[in-house]
């Protein structure tokens, strides 16, 4: 049983890290869009 725990724990850790990285990437993209709109003429047309 101990033989399976380490690979499973490693896999779970990798999955969590990948999910976090994806969430961070989406957040950064959204913030970049907001910044672009806030700093451009698009602000007037999107409001």
PDB file of N, CA and C in Angstrom:
ATOM      1  N   UNK A   1       0.819  -1.202   0.000  1.00  0.00           N
ATOM      2  CA  UNK A   1       0.000   0.000   0.000  1.00  0.00           C
ATOM      3  C   UNK A   1       0.856   1.256   0.000  1.00  0.00           C
ATOM      4  N   UNK A   2       1.960   1.245   0.760  1.00  0.00           N
ATOM      5  CA  UNK A   2       2.842   2.410   0.800  1.00  0.00           C
ATOM      6  C   UNK A   2       3.435   2.722  -0.572  1.00  0.00           C
ATOM      7  N   UNK A   3       3.548   1.699  -1.398  1.00  0.00           N
ATOM      8  CA  UNK A   3       4.114   1.891  -2.733  1.00  0.00           C
ATOM      9  C   UNK A   3       3.204   2.781  -3.576  1.00  0.00           C
ATOM     10  N   UNK A   4       1.893   2.712  -3.338  1.00  0.00           N
ATOM     11  CA  UNK A   4       0.940   3.506  -4.112  1.00  0.00           C
ATOM     12  C   UNK A   4       0.758   4.921  -3.568  1.00  0.00           C
ATOM     13  N   UNK A   5       0.997   5.133  -2.301  1.00  0.00           N
ATOM     14  CA  UNK A   5       0.713   6.430  -1.686  1.00  0.00           C
ATOM     15  C   UNK A   5       1.573   7.540  -2.280  1.00  0.00           C
ATOM     16  N   UNK A   6       2.855   7.301  -2.425  1.00  0.00           N
ATOM     17  CA  UNK A   6       3.750   8.339  -2.936  1.00  0.00           C
ATOM     18  C   UNK A   6       3.392   8.784  -4.356  1.00  0.00           C
ATOM     19  N   UNK A   7       3.182   7.861  -5.297  1.00  0.00           N
ATOM     20  CA  UNK A   7       2.802   8.311  -6.646  1.00  0.00           C
ATOM     21  C   UNK A   7       1.454   9.034  -6.668  1.00  0.00           C
ATOM     22  N   UNK A   8       0.508   8.569  -5.860  1.00  0.00           N
ATOM     23  CA  UNK A   8      -0.802   9.218  -5.813  1.00  0.00           C
ATOM     24  C   UNK A   8      -0.673  10.614  -5.215  1.00  0.00           C
ATOM     25  N   UNK A   9       0.077  10.740  -4.130  1.00  0.00           N
ATOM     26  CA  UNK A   9       0.294  12.049  -3.515  1.00  0.00           C
ATOM     27  C   UNK A   9       1.003  12.982  -4.488  1.00  0.00           C
ATOM     28  N   UNK A  10       1.963  12.463  -5.197  1.00  0.00           N
ATOM     29  CA  UNK A  10       2.691  13.264  -6.185  1.00  0.00           C
ATOM     30  C   UNK A  10       1.761  13.710  -7.308  1.00  0.00           C
ATOM     31  N   UNK A  11       0.917  12.810  -7.763  1.00  0.00           N
ATOM     32  CA  UNK A  11      -0.042  13.143  -8.813  1.00  0.00           C
ATOM     33  C   UNK A  11      -1.020  14.208  -8.335  1.00  0.00           C
ATOM     34  N   UNK A  12      -1.539  14.047  -7.128  1.00  0.00           N
ATOM     35  CA  UNK A  12      -2.454  15.048  -6.581  1.00  0.00           C
ATOM     36  C   UNK A  12      -1.780  16.408  -6.453  1.00  0.00           C
ATOM     37  N   UNK A  13      -0.556  16.418  -5.990  1.00  0.00           N
ATOM     38  CA  UNK A  13       0.180  17.676  -5.856  1.00  0.00           C
ATOM     39  C   UNK A  13       0.351  18.335  -7.223  1.00  0.00           C
ATOM     40  N   UNK A  14       0.688  17.539  -8.222  1.00  0.00           N
ATOM     41  CA  UNK A  14       0.855  18.069  -9.575  1.00  0.00           C
ATOM     42  C   UNK A  14      -0.457  18.627 -10.103  1.00  0.00           C
ATOM     43  N   UNK A  15      -1.550  17.905  -9.889  1.00  0.00           N
ATOM     44  CA  UNK A  15      -2.857  18.374 -10.350  1.00  0.00           C
ATOM     45  C   UNK A  15      -3.245  19.686  -9.674  1.00  0.00           C
ATOM     46  N   UNK A  16      -3.003  19.785  -8.377  1.00  0.00           N
ATOM     47  CA  UNK A  16      -3.311  21.010  -7.643  1.00  0.00           C
ATOM     48  C   UNK A  16      -2.464  22.169  -8.167  1.00  0.00           C
ATOM     49  N   UNK A  17      -1.188  21.922  -8.389  1.00  0.00           N
ATOM     50  CA  UNK A  17      -0.302  22.968  -8.911  1.00  0.00           C
ATOM     51  C   UNK A  17      -0.747  23.418 -10.300  1.00  0.00           C
ATOM     52  N   UNK A  18      -1.142  22.481 -11.138  1.00  0.00           N
ATOM     53  CA  UNK A  18      -1.594  22.824 -12.487  1.00  0.00           C
ATOM     54  C   UNK A  18      -2.894  23.623 -12.440  1.00  0.00           C
ATOM     55  N   UNK A  19      -3.814  23.230 -11.567  1.00  0.00           N
ATOM     56  CA  UNK A  19      -5.071  23.963 -11.429  1.00  0.00           C
ATOM     57  C   UNK A  19      -4.804  25.379 -10.933  1.00  0.00           C
ATOM     58  N   UNK A  20      -3.915  25.511  -9.978  1.00  0.00           N
ATOM     59  CA  UNK A  20      -3.568  26.835  -9.457  1.00  0.00           C
ATOM     60  C   UNK A  20      -2.926  27.686 -10.553  1.00  0.00           C
ATOM     61  N   UNK A  21      -2.033  27.101 -11.322  1.00  0.00           N
ATOM     62  CA  UNK A  21      -1.370  27.832 -12.405  1.00  0.00           C
ATOM     63  C   UNK A  21      -2.388  28.289 -13.444  1.00  0.00           C
ATOM     64  N   UNK A  22      -3.356  27.434 -13.763  1.00  0.00           N
ATOM     65  CA  UNK A  22      -4.401  27.799 -14.726  1.00  0.00           C
ATOM     66  C   UNK A  22      -5.261  28.935 -14.185  1.00  0.00           C
ATOM     67  N   UNK A  23      -5.640  28.861 -12.916  1.00  0.00           N
ATOM     68  CA  UNK A  23      -6.426  29.935 -12.310  1.00  0.00           C
ATOM     69  C   UNK A  23      -5.652  31.245 -12.306  1.00  0.00           C
ATOM     70  N   UNK A  24      -4.368  31.172 -11.990  1.00  0.00           N
ATOM     71  CA  UNK A  24      -3.517  32.366 -11.976  1.00  0.00           C
ATOM     72  C   UNK A  24      -3.419  32.970 -13.381  1.00  0.00           C
ATOM     73  N   UNK A  25      -3.273  32.113 -14.386  1.00  0.00           N
ATOM     74  CA  UNK A  25      -3.183  32.589 -15.773  1.00  0.00           C
ATOM     75  C   UNK A  25      -4.472  33.285 -16.193  1.00  0.00           C
ATOM     76  N   UNK A  26      -5.610  32.685 -15.858  1.00  0.00           N
ATOM     77  CA  UNK A  26      -6.898  33.304 -16.186  1.00  0.00           C
ATOM     78  C   UNK A  26      -7.056  34.646 -15.486  1.00  0.00           C
ATOM     79  N   UNK A  27      -6.659  34.697 -14.225  1.00  0.00           N
ATOM     80  CA  UNK A  27      -6.747  35.944 -13.463  1.00  0.00           C
ATOM     81  C   UNK A  27      -5.883  37.026 -14.120  1.00  0.00           C
ATOM     82  N   UNK A  28      -4.662  36.669 -14.493  1.00  0.00           N
ATOM     83  CA  UNK A  28      -3.762  37.640 -15.120  1.00  0.00           C
ATOM     84  C   UNK A  28      -4.309  38.122 -16.461  1.00  0.00           C
ATOM     85  N   UNK A  29      -4.906  37.223 -17.238  1.00  0.00           N
ATOM     86  CA  UNK A  29      -5.506  37.616 -18.513  1.00  0.00           C
ATOM     87  C   UNK A  29      -6.664  38.581 -18.286  1.00  0.00           C
ATOM     88  N   UNK A  30      -7.507  38.273 -17.311  1.00  0.00           N
ATOM     89  CA  UNK A  30      -8.658  39.132 -17.022  1.00  0.00           C
ATOM     90  C   UNK A  30      -8.199  40.503 -16.545  1.00  0.00           C
ATOM     91  N   UNK A  31      -7.193  40.533 -15.672  1.00  0.00           N
ATOM     92  CA  UNK A  31      -6.676  41.815 -15.187  1.00  0.00           C
ATOM     93  C   UNK A  31      -6.067  42.621 -16.338  1.00  0.00           C
ATOM     94  N   UNK A  32      -5.404  41.952 -17.271  1.00  0.00           N
ATOM     95  CA  UNK A  32      -4.830  42.643 -18.429  1.00  0.00           C
ATOM     96  C   UNK A  32      -5.935  43.241 -19.295  1.00  0.00           C
ATOM     97  N   UNK A  33      -7.041  42.511 -19.470  1.00  0.00           N
ATOM     98  CA  UNK A  33      -8.174  43.034 -20.232  1.00  0.00           C
ATOM     99  C   UNK A  33      -8.768  44.255 -19.548  1.00  0.00           C
ATOM    100  N   UNK A  34      -8.946  44.166 -18.236  1.00  0.00           N
ATOM    101  CA  UNK A  34      -9.507  45.287 -17.476  1.00  0.00           C
ATOM    102  C   UNK A  34      -8.596  46.505 -17.585  1.00  0.00           C
ATOM    103  N   UNK A  35      -7.304  46.283 -17.465  1.00  0.00           N
ATOM    104  CA  UNK A  35      -6.338  47.383 -17.557  1.00  0.00           C
ATOM    105  C   UNK A  35      -6.372  48.010 -18.948  1.00  0.00           C
ATOM    106  N   UNK A  36      -6.452  47.178 -19.975  1.00  0.00           N
ATOM    107  CA  UNK A  36      -6.508  47.674 -21.346  1.00  0.00           C
ATOM    108  C   UNK A  36      -7.736  48.552 -21.548  1.00  0.00           C
ATOM    109  N   UNK A  37      -8.882  48.085 -21.091  1.00  0.00           N
ATOM    110  CA  UNK A  37     -10.120  48.851 -21.239  1.00  0.00           C
ATOM    111  C   UNK A  37     -10.050  50.143 -20.435  1.00  0.00           C
ATOM    112  N   UNK A  38      -9.532  50.065 -19.225  1.00  0.00           N
ATOM    113  CA  UNK A  38      -9.455  51.244 -18.359  1.00  0.00           C
ATOM    114  C   UNK A  38      -8.518  52.303 -18.928  1.00  0.00           C
ATOM    115  N   UNK A  39      -7.510  51.887 -19.675  1.00  0.00           N
ATOM    116  CA  UNK A  39      -6.508  52.819 -20.188  1.00  0.00           C
ATOM    117  C   UNK A  39      -6.694  53.152 -21.663  1.00  0.00           C
ATOM    118  N   UNK A  40      -7.859  52.891 -22.198  1.00  0.00           N
ATOM    119  CA  UNK A  40      -8.045  53.132 -23.627  1.00  0.00           C
ATOM    120  C   UNK A  40      -9.380  53.799 -23.901  1.00  0.00           C
ATOM    121  N   UNK A  41      -9.588  54.100 -25.147  1.00  0.00           N
ATOM    122  CA  UNK A  41     -10.861  54.684 -25.564  1.00  0.00           C
ATOM    123  C   UNK A  41     -11.987  53.660 -25.493  1.00  0.00           C
ATOM    124  N   UNK A  42     -11.642  52.387 -25.384  1.00  0.00           N
ATOM    125  CA  UNK A  42     -12.670  51.350 -25.278  1.00  0.00           C
ATOM    126  C   UNK A  42     -13.536  51.554 -24.042  1.00  0.00           C
ATOM    127  N   UNK A  43     -12.989  52.235 -23.037  1.00  0.00           N
ATOM    128  CA  UNK A  43     -13.722  52.470 -21.798  1.00  0.00           C
ATOM    129  C   UNK A  43     -15.047  53.162 -22.100  1.00  0.00           C
ATOM    130  N   UNK A  44     -15.018  54.180 -22.949  1.00  0.00           N
ATOM    131  CA  UNK A  44     -16.224  54.943 -23.246  1.00  0.00           C
ATOM    132  C   UNK A  44     -17.255  54.117 -24.006  1.00  0.00           C
ATOM    133  N   UNK A  45     -16.809  53.240 -24.876  1.00  0.00           N
ATOM    134  CA  UNK A  45     -17.751  52.454 -25.664  1.00  0.00           C
ATOM    135  C   UNK A  45     -18.264  51.228 -24.923  1.00  0.00           C
ATOM    136  N   UNK A  46     -17.545  50.793 -23.884  1.00  0.00           N
ATOM    137  CA  UNK A  46     -17.966  49.578 -23.181  1.00  0.00           C
ATOM    138  C   UNK A  46     -18.824  49.871 -21.964  1.00  0.00           C
ATOM    139  N   UNK A  47     -18.916  51.119 -21.578  1.00  0.00           N
ATOM    140  CA  UNK A  47     -19.691  51.475 -20.373  1.00  0.00           C
ATOM    141  C   UNK A  47     -21.123  51.731 -20.745  1.00  0.00           C
TER     142      UNK A  47
END
